[in-house]
N, C-alpha and C. Protein backbone atom coordinates (compact mmCIF):
# COMPACT_ATOMS: atom_id res chain seq x y z
N MET A 1 20.15 105.71 -31.36
CA MET A 1 20.11 106.51 -31.17
C MET A 1 19.16 107.66 -31.21
N ASN A 2 18.96 108.17 -30.24
CA ASN A 2 17.38 108.68 -30.23
C ASN A 2 17.74 110.23 -31.25
N ARG A 3 16.66 111.17 -31.15
CA ARG A 3 16.79 112.43 -31.70
C ARG A 3 17.41 113.51 -31.63
N LYS A 4 17.80 113.74 -30.44
CA LYS A 4 18.58 114.61 -29.57
C LYS A 4 20.01 114.60 -29.90
N ALA A 5 20.41 112.78 -29.11
CA ALA A 5 21.38 113.02 -29.68
C ALA A 5 21.91 113.19 -30.90
N LEU A 6 21.33 112.62 -31.83
CA LEU A 6 21.80 112.95 -33.64
C LEU A 6 21.92 114.25 -33.84
N LEU A 7 21.18 115.09 -33.53
CA LEU A 7 20.60 116.31 -33.28
C LEU A 7 22.62 117.25 -32.83
N VAL A 8 22.48 116.94 -31.63
CA VAL A 8 23.64 117.47 -30.70
C VAL A 8 24.67 116.75 -31.91
N LEU A 9 24.70 115.49 -32.32
CA LEU A 9 26.25 115.30 -33.11
C LEU A 9 26.24 116.06 -33.98
N ALA A 10 25.19 116.32 -35.69
CA ALA A 10 25.17 116.77 -36.34
C ALA A 10 25.51 118.72 -35.89
N ALA A 11 24.96 119.06 -34.44
CA ALA A 11 25.97 119.88 -34.45
C ALA A 11 27.17 120.32 -34.21
N ALA A 12 28.15 119.08 -33.35
CA ALA A 12 29.18 119.54 -33.09
C ALA A 12 29.66 119.07 -34.00
N VAL A 13 29.80 118.05 -35.13
CA VAL A 13 29.69 118.06 -35.74
C VAL A 13 30.29 119.17 -37.21
N LEU A 14 29.40 120.22 -37.22
CA LEU A 14 28.67 121.15 -38.19
C LEU A 14 29.89 122.12 -37.53
N THR A 15 29.95 122.31 -36.18
CA THR A 15 30.74 123.74 -35.90
C THR A 15 32.08 123.30 -36.02
N ALA A 16 32.45 122.40 -36.31
CA ALA A 16 33.70 121.71 -35.86
C ALA A 16 34.34 121.71 -37.30
N ALA A 17 33.44 121.36 -38.58
CA ALA A 17 33.70 121.93 -39.58
C ALA A 17 33.42 122.93 -40.81
N SER A 18 32.97 123.66 -39.85
CA SER A 18 33.32 125.29 -39.82
C SER A 18 33.52 126.19 -39.50
N CYS A 19 34.95 125.41 -38.38
CA CYS A 19 36.07 125.90 -37.94
C CYS A 19 37.01 126.61 -38.89
N THR A 20 37.13 127.89 -38.11
CA THR A 20 37.87 128.81 -39.47
C THR A 20 38.58 129.71 -38.49
N GLN A 21 38.79 128.98 -37.08
CA GLN A 21 40.34 129.95 -37.00
C GLN A 21 41.40 128.92 -36.67
N PHE A 22 42.24 129.01 -37.06
CA PHE A 22 43.00 128.29 -38.44
C PHE A 22 44.51 128.57 -37.07
N PRO A 23 46.23 128.28 -36.25
CA PRO A 23 46.51 129.04 -36.42
C PRO A 23 47.58 130.02 -37.51
N SER A 24 47.40 131.27 -36.98
CA SER A 24 48.20 132.44 -38.01
C SER A 24 49.61 131.89 -38.26
N LEU A 25 50.38 133.10 -39.01
CA LEU A 25 51.74 132.08 -39.70
C LEU A 25 52.33 133.48 -39.42
N SER A 26 52.11 133.83 -39.28
CA SER A 26 52.30 135.72 -39.41
C SER A 26 54.30 135.34 -38.70
N ALA A 27 54.45 136.43 -39.33
CA ALA A 27 56.27 136.20 -38.36
C ALA A 27 56.68 137.07 -37.08
N ASP A 28 55.28 137.29 -36.35
CA ASP A 28 55.58 138.54 -34.92
C ASP A 28 54.83 136.78 -34.91
N PRO A 29 55.91 137.07 -32.91
CA PRO A 29 56.17 135.68 -32.18
C PRO A 29 54.04 136.12 -31.50
N PRO A 30 53.66 135.27 -30.98
CA PRO A 30 52.68 135.43 -30.20
C PRO A 30 53.71 136.45 -28.72
N ALA A 31 52.44 137.00 -28.10
CA ALA A 31 52.81 137.84 -26.69
C ALA A 31 52.67 136.59 -25.95
N VAL A 32 54.27 136.29 -25.38
CA VAL A 32 53.87 135.16 -23.40
C VAL A 32 53.75 136.03 -22.45
N HIS A 33 51.98 135.28 -21.96
CA HIS A 33 51.58 136.01 -19.90
C HIS A 33 53.40 134.77 -19.23
N ALA A 34 53.57 135.63 -18.76
CA ALA A 34 54.56 134.91 -17.43
C ALA A 34 53.71 133.91 -17.38
N GLY A 35 54.42 132.86 -16.86
CA GLY A 35 53.68 131.65 -15.80
C GLY A 35 53.04 130.84 -16.80
N THR A 36 52.64 131.42 -18.30
CA THR A 36 51.77 130.49 -19.68
C THR A 36 52.80 129.83 -20.50
N PRO A 37 52.65 128.42 -21.22
CA PRO A 37 53.54 127.88 -22.35
C PRO A 37 52.91 128.66 -23.63
N ALA A 38 54.02 128.86 -24.52
CA ALA A 38 54.09 130.01 -25.39
C ALA A 38 53.70 129.33 -27.13
N ALA A 39 52.48 128.73 -27.57
CA ALA A 39 53.14 127.97 -29.30
C ALA A 39 53.17 129.47 -30.11
N VAL A 40 54.07 128.21 -30.36
CA VAL A 40 54.99 128.43 -31.89
C VAL A 40 55.36 128.21 -32.67
N PRO A 41 54.74 129.21 -33.98
CA PRO A 41 54.69 128.75 -35.16
C PRO A 41 55.36 128.03 -35.93
N LEU A 42 55.30 127.28 -36.57
CA LEU A 42 56.77 126.35 -37.59
C LEU A 42 56.47 127.04 -38.68
N PRO A 43 57.71 126.97 -39.14
CA PRO A 43 58.06 127.45 -40.35
C PRO A 43 56.81 126.65 -41.34
N ALA A 44 56.07 127.66 -41.96
CA ALA A 44 55.43 126.75 -43.27
C ALA A 44 56.06 125.96 -44.10
N PRO A 45 56.23 124.51 -44.60
CA PRO A 45 56.50 123.68 -45.82
C PRO A 45 56.53 124.78 -46.79
N ALA A 46 57.51 123.63 -47.16
CA ALA A 46 57.90 124.36 -48.51
C ALA A 46 56.54 123.69 -49.08
N PRO A 47 56.59 124.92 -50.45
CA PRO A 47 55.72 124.87 -51.58
C PRO A 47 55.31 123.02 -51.92
N ALA A 48 54.03 122.32 -52.65
CA ALA A 48 54.34 120.75 -53.07
C ALA A 48 54.62 121.35 -54.70
N PRO A 49 54.78 120.96 -55.48
CA PRO A 49 54.83 120.77 -57.32
C PRO A 49 53.25 120.83 -57.56
N ALA A 50 52.70 121.82 -58.55
CA ALA A 50 51.32 121.80 -59.23
C ALA A 50 51.41 120.86 -59.41
N ALA A 51 52.09 119.29 -59.31
CA ALA A 51 51.77 118.80 -60.63
C ALA A 51 50.96 117.57 -59.14
N SER A 52 50.93 117.62 -57.81
CA SER A 52 50.15 117.16 -56.87
C SER A 52 48.87 117.00 -56.64
N ALA A 53 48.57 116.05 -56.47
CA ALA A 53 46.42 116.30 -56.07
C ALA A 53 46.06 116.40 -54.68
N GLU A 54 47.43 115.75 -53.77
CA GLU A 54 47.41 116.13 -52.68
C GLU A 54 47.06 116.96 -51.62
N PRO A 55 46.71 117.22 -50.49
CA PRO A 55 46.14 118.47 -50.06
C PRO A 55 47.22 118.92 -49.28
N ALA A 56 47.33 120.01 -48.83
CA ALA A 56 48.99 120.65 -48.41
C ALA A 56 48.82 120.38 -47.23
N PRO A 57 49.60 120.04 -47.02
CA PRO A 57 50.03 119.55 -45.09
C PRO A 57 49.11 121.00 -44.13
N ALA A 58 48.80 120.40 -43.02
CA ALA A 58 48.27 121.07 -42.09
C ALA A 58 49.27 121.82 -41.52
N PRO A 59 49.11 123.67 -41.24
CA PRO A 59 50.31 123.50 -40.43
C PRO A 59 49.54 123.13 -38.83
N ARG A 60 51.12 122.77 -38.28
CA ARG A 60 50.50 122.24 -36.39
C ARG A 60 51.85 123.58 -35.74
N LEU A 61 51.13 122.83 -34.03
CA LEU A 61 51.09 124.36 -33.42
C LEU A 61 52.35 123.48 -32.06
N VAL A 62 53.35 123.28 -32.06
CA VAL A 62 54.18 123.21 -31.30
C VAL A 62 54.18 124.45 -30.29
N THR A 63 54.45 123.64 -29.01
CA THR A 63 55.09 124.18 -27.09
C THR A 63 56.35 124.47 -27.45
N VAL A 64 56.43 125.94 -26.52
CA VAL A 64 57.42 126.47 -26.16
C VAL A 64 58.66 124.77 -25.17
N PRO A 65 59.31 124.35 -25.55
CA PRO A 65 59.71 123.76 -24.90
C PRO A 65 60.28 123.24 -23.53
N GLY A 66 59.49 122.01 -22.52
CA GLY A 66 59.19 122.18 -20.95
C GLY A 66 58.12 122.75 -20.43
N SER A 67 56.75 123.13 -21.54
CA SER A 67 55.68 123.39 -21.27
C SER A 67 54.43 121.38 -21.35
N GLU A 68 53.59 121.37 -19.71
CA GLU A 68 53.31 119.89 -20.31
C GLU A 68 52.49 119.85 -21.17
N GLU A 69 52.19 120.22 -21.98
CA GLU A 69 51.20 120.39 -23.59
C GLU A 69 51.91 120.37 -24.63
N SER A 70 51.72 119.06 -25.77
CA SER A 70 52.14 119.35 -27.36
C SER A 70 51.02 119.09 -27.75
N SER A 71 51.06 119.69 -28.81
CA SER A 71 50.42 119.42 -29.50
C SER A 71 50.02 119.65 -30.93
N ASP A 72 49.83 118.42 -31.96
CA ASP A 72 49.34 118.43 -33.22
C ASP A 72 48.27 118.32 -34.13
N LEU A 73 47.93 119.80 -34.65
CA LEU A 73 46.81 119.68 -35.45
C LEU A 73 47.09 119.70 -36.52
N ALA A 74 45.96 118.58 -37.30
CA ALA A 74 45.92 118.56 -38.38
C ALA A 74 44.54 119.41 -38.89
N PHE A 75 44.61 120.16 -38.82
CA PHE A 75 42.97 120.23 -39.82
C PHE A 75 42.08 119.92 -39.92
N ASN A 76 43.31 120.33 -41.85
CA ASN A 76 43.16 119.90 -43.41
C ASN A 76 43.45 118.28 -43.16
N ALA A 77 43.88 117.39 -42.06
CA ALA A 77 43.59 116.40 -42.57
C ALA A 77 42.05 115.66 -42.03
N ASN A 78 42.09 116.86 -41.03
CA ASN A 78 40.38 115.71 -40.06
C ASN A 78 39.21 116.47 -41.48
N GLY A 79 39.48 116.91 -42.98
CA GLY A 79 38.38 117.60 -43.03
C GLY A 79 36.98 116.58 -44.05
N PRO A 80 38.51 115.44 -44.37
CA PRO A 80 37.01 114.31 -45.39
C PRO A 80 36.68 113.81 -44.18
N ALA A 81 37.73 113.52 -43.55
CA ALA A 81 36.61 111.99 -41.90
C ALA A 81 35.90 113.54 -41.48
N VAL A 82 35.87 114.38 -41.06
CA VAL A 82 34.57 114.88 -40.83
C VAL A 82 33.16 115.21 -41.21
N THR A 83 33.70 115.33 -43.14
CA THR A 83 32.55 115.81 -44.43
C THR A 83 31.99 114.40 -43.85
N GLU A 84 33.31 113.00 -43.95
CA GLU A 84 32.58 111.83 -43.69
C GLU A 84 31.41 111.46 -42.72
N THR A 85 32.06 111.52 -41.17
CA THR A 85 31.37 111.29 -40.07
C THR A 85 29.74 112.29 -40.31
N LEU A 86 30.04 113.54 -41.19
CA LEU A 86 29.01 114.50 -41.41
C LEU A 86 27.80 114.31 -42.21
N GLN A 87 28.49 113.21 -42.69
CA GLN A 87 27.65 112.56 -44.26
C GLN A 87 27.05 111.77 -43.52
N LYS A 88 27.16 111.05 -42.49
CA LYS A 88 27.18 109.54 -42.32
C LYS A 88 25.75 110.42 -41.22
N THR A 89 25.99 111.33 -40.61
CA THR A 89 24.52 112.02 -39.46
C THR A 89 23.53 111.81 -39.77
N VAL A 90 23.95 112.65 -41.43
CA VAL A 90 22.94 113.35 -42.08
C VAL A 90 21.87 112.34 -42.51
N ASP A 91 23.18 111.49 -42.78
CA ASP A 91 22.13 110.03 -43.51
C ASP A 91 21.33 109.47 -42.19
N MET A 92 21.84 109.26 -40.57
CA MET A 92 21.07 108.68 -40.17
C MET A 92 20.14 109.21 -39.52
N LEU A 93 20.14 110.48 -39.36
CA LEU A 93 18.77 111.73 -39.11
C LEU A 93 17.76 111.80 -40.02
N LEU A 94 18.14 111.36 -41.34
CA LEU A 94 17.54 111.50 -42.73
C LEU A 94 16.50 110.27 -42.64
N GLN A 95 17.31 109.10 -42.20
CA GLN A 95 17.03 107.59 -41.38
C GLN A 95 15.98 108.21 -40.33
N ALA A 96 16.08 108.18 -39.65
CA ALA A 96 15.42 108.77 -38.83
C ALA A 96 13.82 109.41 -38.64
N LYS A 97 14.06 110.69 -39.58
CA LYS A 97 13.17 111.22 -39.46
C LYS A 97 11.98 110.13 -40.78
N ALA A 98 12.05 109.55 -41.59
CA ALA A 98 11.77 108.83 -42.86
C ALA A 98 11.30 108.28 -41.36
N ASP A 99 12.03 106.89 -40.74
CA ASP A 99 11.14 106.64 -39.86
C ASP A 99 10.03 107.34 -39.00
N ASN A 100 10.34 107.75 -38.70
CA ASN A 100 9.13 109.11 -37.39
C ASN A 100 8.17 109.32 -38.26
N GLU A 101 8.17 109.81 -39.65
CA GLU A 101 6.88 109.73 -40.80
C GLU A 101 5.66 108.23 -41.35
N ARG A 102 6.85 107.35 -40.96
CA ARG A 102 6.53 106.06 -41.34
C ARG A 102 5.36 105.85 -40.13
N LEU A 103 6.35 105.66 -38.34
CA LEU A 103 5.46 105.22 -37.79
C LEU A 103 4.30 106.27 -37.10
N LYS A 104 4.10 107.96 -37.79
CA LYS A 104 3.79 108.16 -37.22
C LYS A 104 2.15 107.95 -38.07
N VAL A 105 2.10 108.41 -39.33
CA VAL A 105 2.05 107.33 -40.17
C VAL A 105 0.81 106.14 -39.55
N ALA A 106 1.21 105.32 -39.16
CA ALA A 106 1.54 103.68 -38.80
C ALA A 106 0.17 104.31 -37.73
N LEU A 107 0.65 105.18 -36.39
CA LEU A 107 -0.20 105.03 -35.50
C LEU A 107 -1.31 105.79 -35.91
N GLU A 108 -1.33 106.98 -36.93
CA GLU A 108 -2.45 107.50 -37.31
C GLU A 108 -3.93 106.07 -37.36
N ASP A 109 -2.70 105.52 -38.63
CA ASP A 109 -3.92 104.87 -39.57
C ASP A 109 -4.43 103.39 -38.19
N ALA A 110 -3.26 103.11 -37.50
CA ALA A 110 -4.00 102.43 -36.03
C ALA A 110 -5.05 102.73 -35.18
N GLN A 111 -5.04 104.28 -35.07
CA GLN A 111 -5.37 105.47 -35.13
C GLN A 111 -7.36 104.97 -35.42
N LYS A 112 -7.37 104.47 -36.76
CA LYS A 112 -8.30 105.95 -36.90
C LYS A 112 -8.89 103.83 -37.02
N LYS A 113 -8.42 103.31 -37.29
CA LYS A 113 -8.87 101.60 -36.84
C LYS A 113 -9.48 101.46 -35.65
N LEU A 114 -8.57 101.64 -35.12
CA LEU A 114 -8.74 101.66 -33.14
C LEU A 114 -10.38 102.52 -32.74
N ALA A 115 -10.78 103.21 -33.77
CA ALA A 115 -12.16 103.92 -33.97
C ALA A 115 -12.97 103.13 -34.21
N GLU A 116 -12.27 102.64 -35.30
CA GLU A 116 -13.77 101.63 -35.62
C GLU A 116 -13.97 100.93 -35.32
N LYS A 117 -13.46 99.89 -34.32
CA LYS A 117 -12.82 99.26 -33.54
C LYS A 117 -14.12 99.19 -31.69
N ASP A 118 -14.08 100.39 -31.41
CA ASP A 118 -14.44 100.67 -30.61
C ASP A 118 -16.23 100.87 -31.34
N ALA A 119 -16.39 101.44 -31.94
CA ALA A 119 -17.27 101.64 -33.06
C ALA A 119 -17.77 100.46 -32.67
N GLN A 120 -17.52 99.54 -33.24
CA GLN A 120 -18.41 97.95 -33.05
C GLN A 120 -18.87 97.29 -32.49
N VAL A 121 -17.78 98.06 -31.04
CA VAL A 121 -17.95 97.19 -29.71
C VAL A 121 -18.55 97.51 -29.72
N GLN A 122 -19.11 99.01 -28.89
CA GLN A 122 -19.95 99.80 -28.73
C GLN A 122 -21.59 99.47 -29.42
N SER A 123 -21.36 98.95 -30.94
CA SER A 123 -22.33 98.43 -31.72
C SER A 123 -23.11 97.08 -31.03
N LEU A 124 -22.06 96.40 -31.04
CA LEU A 124 -22.27 94.63 -30.04
C LEU A 124 -22.86 95.21 -28.86
N THR A 125 -22.38 95.84 -27.38
CA THR A 125 -22.83 96.35 -26.86
C THR A 125 -23.94 96.62 -26.36
N GLN A 126 -24.40 97.35 -27.44
CA GLN A 126 -25.79 98.01 -27.83
C GLN A 126 -27.13 96.09 -28.21
N GLN A 127 -26.15 95.74 -28.94
CA GLN A 127 -27.25 94.71 -29.52
C GLN A 127 -27.42 93.82 -28.30
N LEU A 128 -26.09 92.59 -27.56
CA LEU A 128 -26.18 92.45 -25.91
C LEU A 128 -26.91 92.58 -25.38
N ASP A 129 -27.61 94.10 -24.90
CA ASP A 129 -28.12 94.52 -23.98
C ASP A 129 -29.55 94.24 -24.48
N VAL A 130 -29.88 93.96 -25.70
CA VAL A 130 -31.28 94.42 -26.14
C VAL A 130 -31.44 93.08 -26.29
N ALA A 131 -30.42 92.04 -26.51
CA ALA A 131 -30.56 90.20 -26.35
C ALA A 131 -31.30 90.36 -24.98
N SER A 132 -29.75 90.83 -24.13
CA SER A 132 -29.90 89.68 -22.47
C SER A 132 -31.41 90.98 -21.98
N GLY A 133 -32.04 91.67 -22.70
CA GLY A 133 -33.30 92.02 -22.28
C GLY A 133 -34.32 90.94 -22.31
N ASP A 134 -34.11 90.51 -23.71
CA ASP A 134 -35.23 89.24 -24.18
C ASP A 134 -34.93 88.07 -23.75
N VAL A 135 -33.57 87.65 -23.66
CA VAL A 135 -34.03 87.05 -22.90
C VAL A 135 -34.57 86.50 -21.59
N GLY A 136 -34.31 87.86 -20.56
CA GLY A 136 -34.44 88.12 -19.44
C GLY A 136 -36.21 87.67 -19.29
N LYS A 137 -36.75 88.29 -20.65
CA LYS A 137 -38.38 88.44 -20.57
C LYS A 137 -38.71 86.58 -21.20
N LEU A 138 -38.23 85.76 -21.67
CA LEU A 138 -38.22 85.08 -21.96
C LEU A 138 -38.16 84.07 -20.60
N GLN A 139 -37.63 83.82 -20.69
CA GLN A 139 -37.09 83.07 -19.64
C GLN A 139 -38.85 83.78 -17.44
N ASP A 140 -38.32 84.63 -18.16
CA ASP A 140 -39.76 85.03 -17.30
C ASP A 140 -41.29 84.74 -17.53
N SER A 141 -41.46 84.64 -19.36
CA SER A 141 -42.28 83.46 -19.89
C SER A 141 -42.07 82.20 -19.54
N LEU A 142 -40.94 81.71 -20.03
CA LEU A 142 -41.27 80.55 -19.13
C LEU A 142 -41.41 80.32 -18.02
N GLU A 143 -40.90 80.76 -16.85
CA GLU A 143 -40.94 79.98 -15.40
C GLU A 143 -42.66 80.66 -15.13
N LYS A 144 -43.13 81.74 -15.82
CA LYS A 144 -44.93 81.69 -15.53
C LYS A 144 -45.84 80.70 -15.77
N TRP A 145 -44.52 80.05 -17.60
CA TRP A 145 -45.63 78.63 -18.45
C TRP A 145 -45.37 77.36 -17.35
N LYS A 146 -44.38 77.53 -16.64
CA LYS A 146 -43.89 75.99 -15.49
C LYS A 146 -45.27 76.44 -14.66
N SER A 147 -45.41 77.91 -14.16
CA SER A 147 -46.17 77.63 -12.74
C SER A 147 -47.78 77.45 -13.15
N ASP A 148 -47.68 77.41 -15.02
CA ASP A 148 -49.71 77.42 -14.93
C ASP A 148 -49.76 76.00 -15.16
N VAL A 149 -48.45 75.63 -16.12
CA VAL A 149 -48.68 74.17 -16.48
C VAL A 149 -49.05 72.73 -14.94
N LEU A 150 -47.89 73.79 -13.49
CA LEU A 150 -48.04 72.15 -13.01
C LEU A 150 -49.09 72.92 -11.89
N GLY A 151 -50.03 74.46 -11.96
CA GLY A 151 -50.75 74.31 -11.24
C GLY A 151 -51.99 74.00 -11.67
N PHE A 152 -51.73 74.02 -13.39
CA PHE A 152 -53.03 73.29 -13.99
C PHE A 152 -52.82 71.52 -13.57
N ARG A 153 -51.74 70.78 -13.81
CA ARG A 153 -52.29 69.74 -13.36
C ARG A 153 -52.20 69.17 -12.14
N ASP A 154 -52.25 69.68 -11.44
CA ASP A 154 -52.41 69.45 -9.92
C ASP A 154 -54.46 69.94 -9.83
N GLU A 155 -54.84 71.29 -10.77
CA GLU A 155 -55.89 71.14 -11.46
C GLU A 155 -56.94 70.01 -11.54
N MET A 156 -55.54 69.54 -12.47
CA MET A 156 -56.72 67.82 -12.80
C MET A 156 -56.38 67.00 -12.55
N ARG A 157 -55.12 67.32 -11.48
CA ARG A 157 -55.88 66.19 -9.99
C ARG A 157 -56.70 66.09 -9.15
N LYS A 158 -56.82 67.39 -8.77
CA LYS A 158 -58.77 67.96 -8.34
C LYS A 158 -59.27 67.32 -8.81
N ALA A 159 -59.12 67.48 -9.94
CA ALA A 159 -60.66 67.25 -10.81
C ALA A 159 -60.65 65.74 -10.75
N ASP A 160 -59.40 65.00 -10.78
CA ASP A 160 -59.76 63.31 -11.39
C ASP A 160 -60.10 63.31 -9.99
N GLU A 161 -59.56 63.67 -8.78
CA GLU A 161 -60.16 63.05 -7.53
C GLU A 161 -61.43 63.34 -7.30
N ALA A 162 -61.84 64.67 -7.78
CA ALA A 162 -63.43 64.83 -6.95
C ALA A 162 -64.31 63.58 -8.59
N GLU A 163 -63.72 63.69 -9.38
CA GLU A 163 -64.51 62.80 -10.59
C GLU A 163 -64.31 60.75 -10.40
N ILE A 164 -63.38 60.53 -9.38
CA ILE A 164 -63.21 59.56 -9.05
C ILE A 164 -63.96 59.68 -7.68
N GLU A 165 -64.44 60.22 -6.84
CA GLU A 165 -65.63 60.09 -5.92
C GLU A 165 -66.78 60.04 -6.04
N VAL A 166 -66.71 60.88 -7.38
CA VAL A 166 -68.33 60.88 -7.53
C VAL A 166 -68.62 59.28 -8.49
N LEU A 167 -67.52 58.88 -9.10
CA LEU A 167 -68.11 57.56 -9.68
C LEU A 167 -68.00 56.25 -8.24
N GLN A 168 -67.30 56.23 -7.46
CA GLN A 168 -67.43 55.64 -6.37
C GLN A 168 -68.98 56.00 -6.06
N GLN A 169 -69.19 56.61 -5.16
CA GLN A 169 -70.18 57.32 -5.35
C GLN A 169 -71.39 56.74 -6.24
N ILE A 170 -71.69 56.88 -7.33
CA ILE A 170 -71.80 55.71 -8.85
C ILE A 170 -72.67 54.66 -8.33
N LEU A 171 -71.25 54.44 -7.54
CA LEU A 171 -71.18 52.56 -7.60
C LEU A 171 -71.91 51.95 -6.49
N THR A 172 -71.03 52.96 -5.69
CA THR A 172 -72.37 52.11 -4.61
C THR A 172 -73.69 52.60 -4.45
N LEU A 173 -73.86 53.11 -5.00
CA LEU A 173 -75.89 53.60 -4.97
C LEU A 173 -76.23 52.39 -6.18
N LEU A 174 -75.15 52.08 -7.25
CA LEU A 174 -76.46 51.43 -7.81
C LEU A 174 -75.87 49.84 -7.59
N LYS A 175 -75.03 49.70 -6.27
CA LYS A 175 -74.59 48.14 -5.99
C LYS A 175 -75.85 48.16 -4.95
N GLY A 176 -76.34 49.43 -4.60
CA GLY A 176 -77.46 49.00 -3.21
C GLY A 176 -78.65 48.87 -4.82
N PHE A 177 -78.60 48.95 -5.88
CA PHE A 177 -80.12 49.25 -6.66
C PHE A 177 -80.15 47.64 -6.81
N ALA A 178 -79.03 46.67 -7.36
CA ALA A 178 -78.52 45.90 -8.04
C ALA A 178 -78.95 44.66 -6.76
N LYS A 179 -79.15 45.15 -5.65
CA LYS A 179 -79.03 44.33 -4.16
C LYS A 179 -81.19 43.57 -3.87
N GLU A 180 -81.70 44.64 -4.85
CA GLU A 180 -83.07 45.13 -4.41
C GLU A 180 -83.74 45.32 -5.46
N LYS A 181 -83.76 44.06 -6.32
CA LYS A 181 -84.35 44.01 -8.14
C LYS A 181 -85.63 43.21 -7.99
N PRO A 182 -86.25 44.06 -8.72
CA PRO A 182 -87.66 44.13 -8.71
C PRO A 182 -88.03 42.50 -9.02
N VAL A 183 -89.14 41.95 -9.03
CA VAL A 183 -89.90 40.45 -8.72
C VAL A 183 -90.20 40.84 -9.59
N GLN A 184 -90.34 39.50 -11.04
CA GLN A 184 -90.73 39.88 -12.39
C GLN A 184 -92.01 38.25 -12.14
């Protein structure tokens, strides 16, 4: 049951329990209007002996014969049931309040933990952004190094080719000197 339903039920039980509008047992008959059934009070039952601990029976209303309604109301007999129902309702209401307070405390704790986790996530996000920037710089440096190394290799190849050409020219010159040997 939700809180509103419990409150409505408790109010209904309290209203029924505090109802003091019992039928009168006066000797004067009630006024009867034409066309309406009249309720006639029955004579009061004989008083119970003093030794009995049982509650006195409740007064009953009986309608005039021929009317469509007949009601037997026993207000005093419903008293313990109403009290028991009221007590159960109050217990349920107190339990619901306790559960509500427990849930409020749990919600506050969860909100505090969520705020802490949000702060931690924000801090980690900033660290990740810094690390991403560092990784980007390292990637740029690596690309530059690769281009420098590959460029250096090209320079080394060109230098080696130039050196080989010079050595070939030297060999060609040396072969020419070898053919012209001086005579001794």
